[in-house]
Amino acid sequence: MTSIGRIFIVVNLVLAGLAVGWASTQLGVAQNWKEEARLRSVEADTQLATVNADLATANATLAQERTNKNDAQSALSTTQASLTEVREALASEREKNTLLTNDIDSIKATISTFQQSTEDLVAQKDAAEEALNEAKNAERDAMAARDVALGEMADLVDNVRTRDASIGGLQADLVTANKEIASLGVQLDTAIELGGLDRGQIAMGQKKVDGGILGVNTSIAPGIVSINKGSADNVSVGYTFEIYDLASGTYKGKVRVVEVQGNMCVAEIVKTMPGTSMAQGDSASTSV
């Protein structure tokens, strides 16, 4: 055998020894790895079980969370629906509030108008009360004036009664006087005719007297009048008065005095102008 063969054998032996050592080492390593792998497998199984348990818990939690999410979404939907209703109710309330505000403004305006009307009514009431007081005062004054007027009327009635009684007596005297006047008239006419005089010349002897008619009585022909002038004014029986309306200047006729008293006289109507009639208030004058 050659040295190369020997070297080759030695090398092979060395390599074989190395291979056996390596194999032994690898076997030990493999056994260690297998044990370690087993231990790791056990640990992995334990961790897997733990993970599975945690996964189951997580799935349960996820399911609960999904349920909670669904419940929350349902609650959210309900809340949103409620919020929509609340918004609609709020809009409605705002609209009502706007209408109420308008109503309040209208009521305030009405109250203001009512207050003004009340103030006007109070002013009218005060004015009415003042007018009523004035009316009451005027009524009292009128009552007092009425009482005075009634007293004066009573006096006038008494005077009228007295005058009527006097006129009644005068009318009786007038009848007698008319007869005497008729006789005197005939005598006067005879005297005028015999003496060549006229009535104007005879009347020149009476004084100037101006008065007015107090009353007229035509129930006894030819009619008599009473004049507010008498013996105190120098009026005598036989005086003649011309009668006229002073306002219009209308001449109405003539009367002749047949009876005289202190402040009045009675005269008969001797001439009346056509279309006229003597009346109370006419003017009477002995000369025009």
Protein backbone atom coordinates (compact mmCIF):
# COMPACT_ATOMS: atom_id res chain seq x y z
CA MET A 1 0.00 0.00 0.00
CA THR A 2 1.21 3.29 -0.92
CA SER A 3 1.61 6.25 1.31
CA ILE A 4 -1.04 8.06 -0.59
CA GLY A 5 -3.38 5.20 0.04
CA ARG A 6 -2.48 5.28 3.70
CA ILE A 7 -2.96 9.01 3.80
CA PHE A 8 -6.23 8.56 2.06
CA ILE A 9 -7.24 5.88 4.59
CA VAL A 10 -6.13 8.06 7.48
CA VAL A 11 -7.99 10.92 5.97
CA ASN A 12 -11.01 8.74 5.52
CA LEU A 13 -10.71 7.51 9.09
CA VAL A 14 -10.36 11.04 10.30
CA LEU A 15 -13.27 12.10 8.18
CA ALA A 16 -15.23 9.09 9.38
CA GLY A 17 -14.39 9.98 12.96
CA LEU A 18 -15.31 13.52 12.31
CA ALA A 19 -18.49 12.36 10.64
CA VAL A 20 -19.30 10.11 13.60
CA GLY A 21 -18.55 12.96 15.99
CA TRP A 22 -20.56 15.32 13.96
CA ALA A 23 -23.36 12.81 13.70
CA SER A 24 -23.21 12.23 17.42
CA THR A 25 -23.25 15.92 17.97
CA GLN A 26 -26.05 16.35 15.52
CA LEU A 27 -27.92 13.50 17.14
CA GLY A 28 -27.59 15.17 20.50
CA VAL A 29 -28.52 18.43 19.01
CA ALA A 30 -31.48 16.76 17.30
CA GLN A 31 -32.55 15.19 20.55
CA ASN A 32 -32.20 18.49 22.30
CA TRP A 33 -34.12 20.20 19.53
CA LYS A 34 -36.81 17.52 19.63
CA GLU A 35 -37.18 17.95 23.36
CA GLU A 36 -37.14 21.65 22.93
CA ALA A 37 -39.59 21.27 20.09
CA ARG A 38 -41.82 19.13 22.29
CA LEU A 39 -41.60 21.64 25.06
CA ARG A 40 -42.26 24.39 22.56
CA SER A 41 -45.18 22.37 21.17
CA VAL A 42 -46.60 21.99 24.65
CA GLU A 43 -46.03 25.67 25.30
CA ALA A 44 -47.51 26.45 21.90
CA ASP A 45 -50.51 24.24 22.64
CA THR A 46 -50.91 26.02 25.98
CA GLN A 47 -50.56 29.37 24.29
CA LEU A 48 -52.93 28.20 21.53
CA ALA A 49 -55.46 27.13 24.14
CA THR A 50 -55.00 30.44 25.83
CA VAL A 51 -55.30 32.23 22.49
CA ASN A 52 -58.36 30.15 21.61
CA ALA A 53 -59.85 31.01 24.97
CA ASP A 54 -58.97 34.64 24.45
CA LEU A 55 -60.35 34.40 20.90
CA ALA A 56 -63.56 32.88 22.21
CA THR A 57 -63.75 35.66 24.80
CA ALA A 58 -62.96 38.20 22.09
CA ASN A 59 -65.61 36.69 19.82
CA ALA A 60 -68.10 36.81 22.68
CA THR A 61 -67.05 40.35 23.42
CA LEU A 62 -67.28 41.18 19.71
CA ALA A 63 -70.73 39.64 19.55
CA GLN A 64 -71.72 41.64 22.62
CA GLU A 65 -70.19 44.72 21.07
CA ARG A 66 -72.11 44.05 17.85
CA THR A 67 -75.28 43.64 19.92
CA ASN A 68 -74.43 46.79 21.79
CA LYS A 69 -73.69 48.49 18.47
CA ASN A 70 -77.04 47.35 17.08
CA ASP A 71 -78.73 48.51 20.27
CA ALA A 72 -76.83 51.77 20.07
CA GLN A 73 -77.78 52.18 16.40
CA SER A 74 -81.41 51.43 17.29
CA ALA A 75 -81.21 53.86 20.19
CA LEU A 76 -79.53 56.37 17.87
CA SER A 77 -82.32 55.93 15.31
CA THR A 78 -84.88 56.35 18.08
CA THR A 79 -82.98 59.35 19.38
CA GLN A 80 -82.74 60.84 15.90
CA ALA A 81 -86.47 60.27 15.41
CA SER A 82 -87.11 61.83 18.81
CA LEU A 83 -84.73 64.66 17.90
CA THR A 84 -86.65 65.20 14.65
CA GLU A 85 -89.91 65.28 16.60
CA VAL A 86 -88.35 67.64 19.12
CA ARG A 87 -87.10 69.87 16.28
CA GLU A 88 -90.53 69.82 14.67
CA ALA A 89 -92.14 70.54 18.05
CA LEU A 90 -89.59 73.30 18.62
CA ALA A 91 -90.37 74.80 15.19
CA SER A 92 -94.08 74.55 15.98
CA GLU A 93 -93.52 76.16 19.37
CA ARG A 94 -91.45 78.90 17.75
CA GLU A 95 -94.27 79.50 15.30
CA LYS A 96 -96.75 79.53 18.17
CA ASN A 97 -94.43 81.87 20.06
CA THR A 98 -94.32 84.18 17.04
CA LEU A 99 -98.13 84.12 16.81
CA LEU A 100 -98.36 84.62 20.56
CA THR A 101 -95.95 87.56 20.33
CA ASN A 102 -98.10 89.05 17.56
CA ASP A 103 -101.20 88.43 19.68
CA ILE A 104 -99.50 90.08 22.65
CA ASP A 105 -98.59 93.09 20.51
CA SER A 106 -102.17 93.23 19.26
CA ILE A 107 -103.46 92.91 22.83
CA LYS A 108 -101.08 95.66 23.95
CA ALA A 109 -102.36 97.88 21.13
CA THR A 110 -105.95 97.03 22.11
CA ILE A 111 -105.18 97.77 25.76
CA SER A 112 -103.58 101.08 24.75
CA THR A 113 -106.65 101.94 22.67
CA PHE A 114 -108.91 100.84 25.54
CA GLN A 115 -106.92 102.99 27.97
CA GLN A 116 -107.23 105.95 25.62
CA SER A 117 -110.96 105.25 25.24
CA THR A 118 -111.24 104.98 29.03
CA GLU A 119 -109.47 108.31 29.45
CA ASP A 120 -111.79 109.84 26.83
CA LEU A 121 -114.80 108.37 28.61
CA VAL A 122 -113.56 109.72 31.94
CA ALA A 123 -113.11 113.15 30.35
CA GLN A 124 -116.60 112.88 28.81
CA LYS A 125 -118.00 111.77 32.17
CA ASP A 126 -116.37 114.73 33.89
CA ALA A 127 -117.71 117.05 31.19
CA ALA A 128 -121.16 115.42 31.51
CA GLU A 129 -121.06 115.80 35.31
CA GLU A 130 -120.05 119.44 34.91
CA ALA A 131 -122.83 119.95 32.37
CA LEU A 132 -125.24 118.14 34.71
CA ASN A 133 -124.21 120.41 37.59
CA GLU A 134 -124.65 123.43 35.35
CA ALA A 135 -128.03 122.05 34.23
CA LYS A 136 -129.03 121.51 37.88
CA ASN A 137 -127.95 125.05 38.71
CA ALA A 138 -129.85 126.31 35.68
CA GLU A 139 -132.84 124.22 36.77
CA ARG A 140 -132.68 125.75 40.25
CA ASP A 141 -132.45 129.22 38.72
CA ALA A 142 -135.33 128.35 36.39
CA MET A 143 -137.40 127.06 39.31
CA ALA A 144 -136.67 130.24 41.22
CA ALA A 145 -137.55 132.30 38.14
CA ARG A 146 -140.67 130.19 37.68
CA ASP A 147 -141.70 130.85 41.28
CA VAL A 148 -141.13 134.56 40.73
CA ALA A 149 -143.03 134.36 37.43
CA LEU A 150 -145.87 132.46 39.10
CA GLY A 151 -146.02 135.14 41.77
CA GLU A 152 -146.04 137.84 39.12
CA MET A 153 -148.63 135.87 37.14
CA ALA A 154 -150.81 135.61 40.22
CA ASP A 155 -150.53 139.36 40.64
CA LEU A 156 -151.33 139.83 36.95
CA VAL A 157 -154.32 137.51 37.26
CA ASP A 158 -155.53 139.55 40.19
CA ASN A 159 -154.94 142.73 38.19
CA VAL A 160 -156.77 141.24 35.18
CA ARG A 161 -159.69 140.21 37.36
CA THR A 162 -159.77 143.68 38.86
CA ARG A 163 -159.51 145.23 35.39
CA ASP A 164 -162.17 142.86 34.01
CA ALA A 165 -164.47 143.94 36.82
CA SER A 166 -163.61 147.55 36.06
CA ILE A 167 -164.16 146.98 32.35
CA GLY A 168 -167.50 145.38 33.09
CA GLY A 169 -168.51 148.47 34.99
CA LEU A 170 -167.05 150.65 32.25
CA GLN A 171 -168.98 148.75 29.61
CA ALA A 172 -172.18 149.46 31.50
CA ASP A 173 -171.17 153.07 31.84
CA LEU A 174 -170.20 153.05 28.18
CA VAL A 175 -173.71 152.16 27.13
CA THR A 176 -174.99 155.15 29.05
CA ALA A 177 -172.11 157.27 27.79
CA ASN A 178 -172.78 156.26 24.19
CA LYS A 179 -176.32 157.47 24.56
CA GLU A 180 -175.08 160.72 26.04
CA ILE A 181 -172.35 160.96 23.39
CA ALA A 182 -174.91 160.40 20.66
CA SER A 183 -177.01 163.19 22.11
CA LEU A 184 -173.91 165.38 22.56
CA GLY A 185 -172.84 164.54 19.04
CA VAL A 186 -176.14 165.74 17.70
CA GLN A 187 -175.84 168.87 19.79
CA LEU A 188 -172.20 169.34 18.66
CA ASP A 189 -173.12 168.91 15.04
CA THR A 190 -175.93 171.43 15.51
CA ALA A 191 -173.53 173.83 17.23
CA ILE A 192 -170.94 173.38 14.49
CA GLU A 193 -173.55 173.92 11.83
CA LEU A 194 -175.01 176.99 13.53
CA GLY A 195 -171.63 178.43 14.52
CA GLY A 196 -169.87 177.75 11.21
CA LEU A 197 -166.98 175.82 12.94
CA ASP A 198 -165.34 172.51 12.11
CA ARG A 199 -164.15 169.65 14.34
CA GLY A 200 -160.47 170.39 13.66
CA GLN A 201 -160.87 173.84 15.22
CA ILE A 202 -162.57 172.32 18.26
CA ALA A 203 -159.83 169.68 18.68
CA MET A 204 -157.17 172.41 18.74
CA GLY A 205 -157.96 172.92 22.43
CA GLN A 206 -156.70 169.44 23.58
CA LYS A 207 -153.12 169.06 24.78
CA LYS A 208 -150.42 166.93 23.16
CA VAL A 209 -150.52 163.45 24.74
CA ASP A 210 -148.75 160.32 23.43
CA GLY A 211 -149.58 156.83 24.74
CA GLY A 212 -150.47 153.34 23.72
CA ILE A 213 -153.42 150.95 23.62
CA LEU A 214 -153.66 148.58 26.63
CA GLY A 215 -156.57 146.52 25.29
CA VAL A 216 -159.34 146.37 22.69
CA ASN A 217 -162.95 145.21 23.12
CA THR A 218 -165.12 144.97 19.99
CA SER A 219 -167.96 142.99 21.57
CA ILE A 220 -169.80 146.30 22.17
CA ALA A 221 -170.39 148.47 19.08
CA PRO A 222 -168.70 150.52 17.86
CA GLY A 223 -165.86 149.07 20.01
CA ILE A 224 -163.78 150.47 22.86
CA VAL A 225 -160.09 150.70 23.66
CA SER A 226 -158.19 151.37 26.86
CA ILE A 227 -155.20 153.75 26.69
CA ASN A 228 -152.41 154.10 29.23
CA LYS A 229 -152.99 157.82 29.74
CA GLY A 230 -155.45 159.43 32.16
CA SER A 231 -156.20 162.50 34.24
CA ALA A 232 -152.60 162.49 35.54
CA ASP A 233 -151.59 163.24 31.94
CA ASN A 234 -154.26 166.00 31.55
CA VAL A 235 -156.52 163.73 29.47
CA SER A 236 -160.19 164.71 29.58
CA VAL A 237 -163.44 163.25 28.31
CA GLY A 238 -163.86 164.20 24.65
CA TYR A 239 -160.17 163.99 23.80
CA THR A 240 -159.53 162.22 20.51
CA PHE A 241 -156.51 159.95 19.87
CA GLU A 242 -155.17 159.03 16.47
CA ILE A 243 -154.21 155.33 16.39
CA TYR A 244 -151.31 153.96 14.32
CA ASP A 245 -148.75 151.17 14.20
CA LEU A 246 -145.45 152.84 15.08
CA ALA A 247 -143.32 149.99 13.63
CA SER A 248 -144.87 150.07 10.16
CA GLY A 249 -146.18 153.64 10.26
CA THR A 250 -149.69 152.40 9.37
CA TYR A 251 -152.54 154.79 10.35
CA LYS A 252 -155.49 152.78 11.73
CA GLY A 253 -158.12 155.33 12.76
CA LYS A 254 -159.43 157.52 15.60
CA VAL A 255 -160.95 157.04 19.07
CA ARG A 256 -162.76 159.46 21.43
CA VAL A 257 -162.29 159.40 25.23
CA VAL A 258 -165.50 158.60 27.11
CA GLU A 259 -164.10 157.93 30.62
CA VAL A 260 -160.93 159.03 32.40
CA GLN A 261 -159.14 157.53 35.41
CA GLY A 262 -155.87 158.49 37.05
CA ASN A 263 -153.47 156.59 34.78
CA MET A 264 -155.74 155.36 32.01
CA CYS A 265 -158.75 156.23 29.94
CA VAL A 266 -161.44 154.46 27.93
CA ALA A 267 -162.26 155.61 24.42
CA GLU A 268 -164.75 154.53 21.79
CA ILE A 269 -163.71 153.80 18.25
CA VAL A 270 -165.05 156.51 15.93
CA LYS A 271 -163.11 155.65 12.79
CA THR A 272 -161.30 152.59 11.48
CA MET A 273 -159.25 152.62 8.29
CA PRO A 274 -160.18 149.90 5.76
CA GLY A 275 -158.03 146.77 6.01
CA THR A 276 -156.79 147.61 9.54
CA SER A 277 -157.78 146.77 13.08
CA MET A 278 -156.69 148.31 16.32
CA ALA A 279 -154.68 146.06 18.66
CA GLN A 280 -152.89 146.08 21.97
CA GLY A 281 -149.54 147.84 21.63
CA ASP A 282 -150.66 150.32 18.94
CA SER A 283 -149.58 153.93 19.49
CA ALA A 284 -152.11 156.60 20.42
CA SER A 285 -151.56 160.35 20.11
CA THR A 286 -153.82 163.38 20.38
CA SER A 287 -152.08 164.75 17.26
CA VAL A 288 -150.13 163.13 14.47
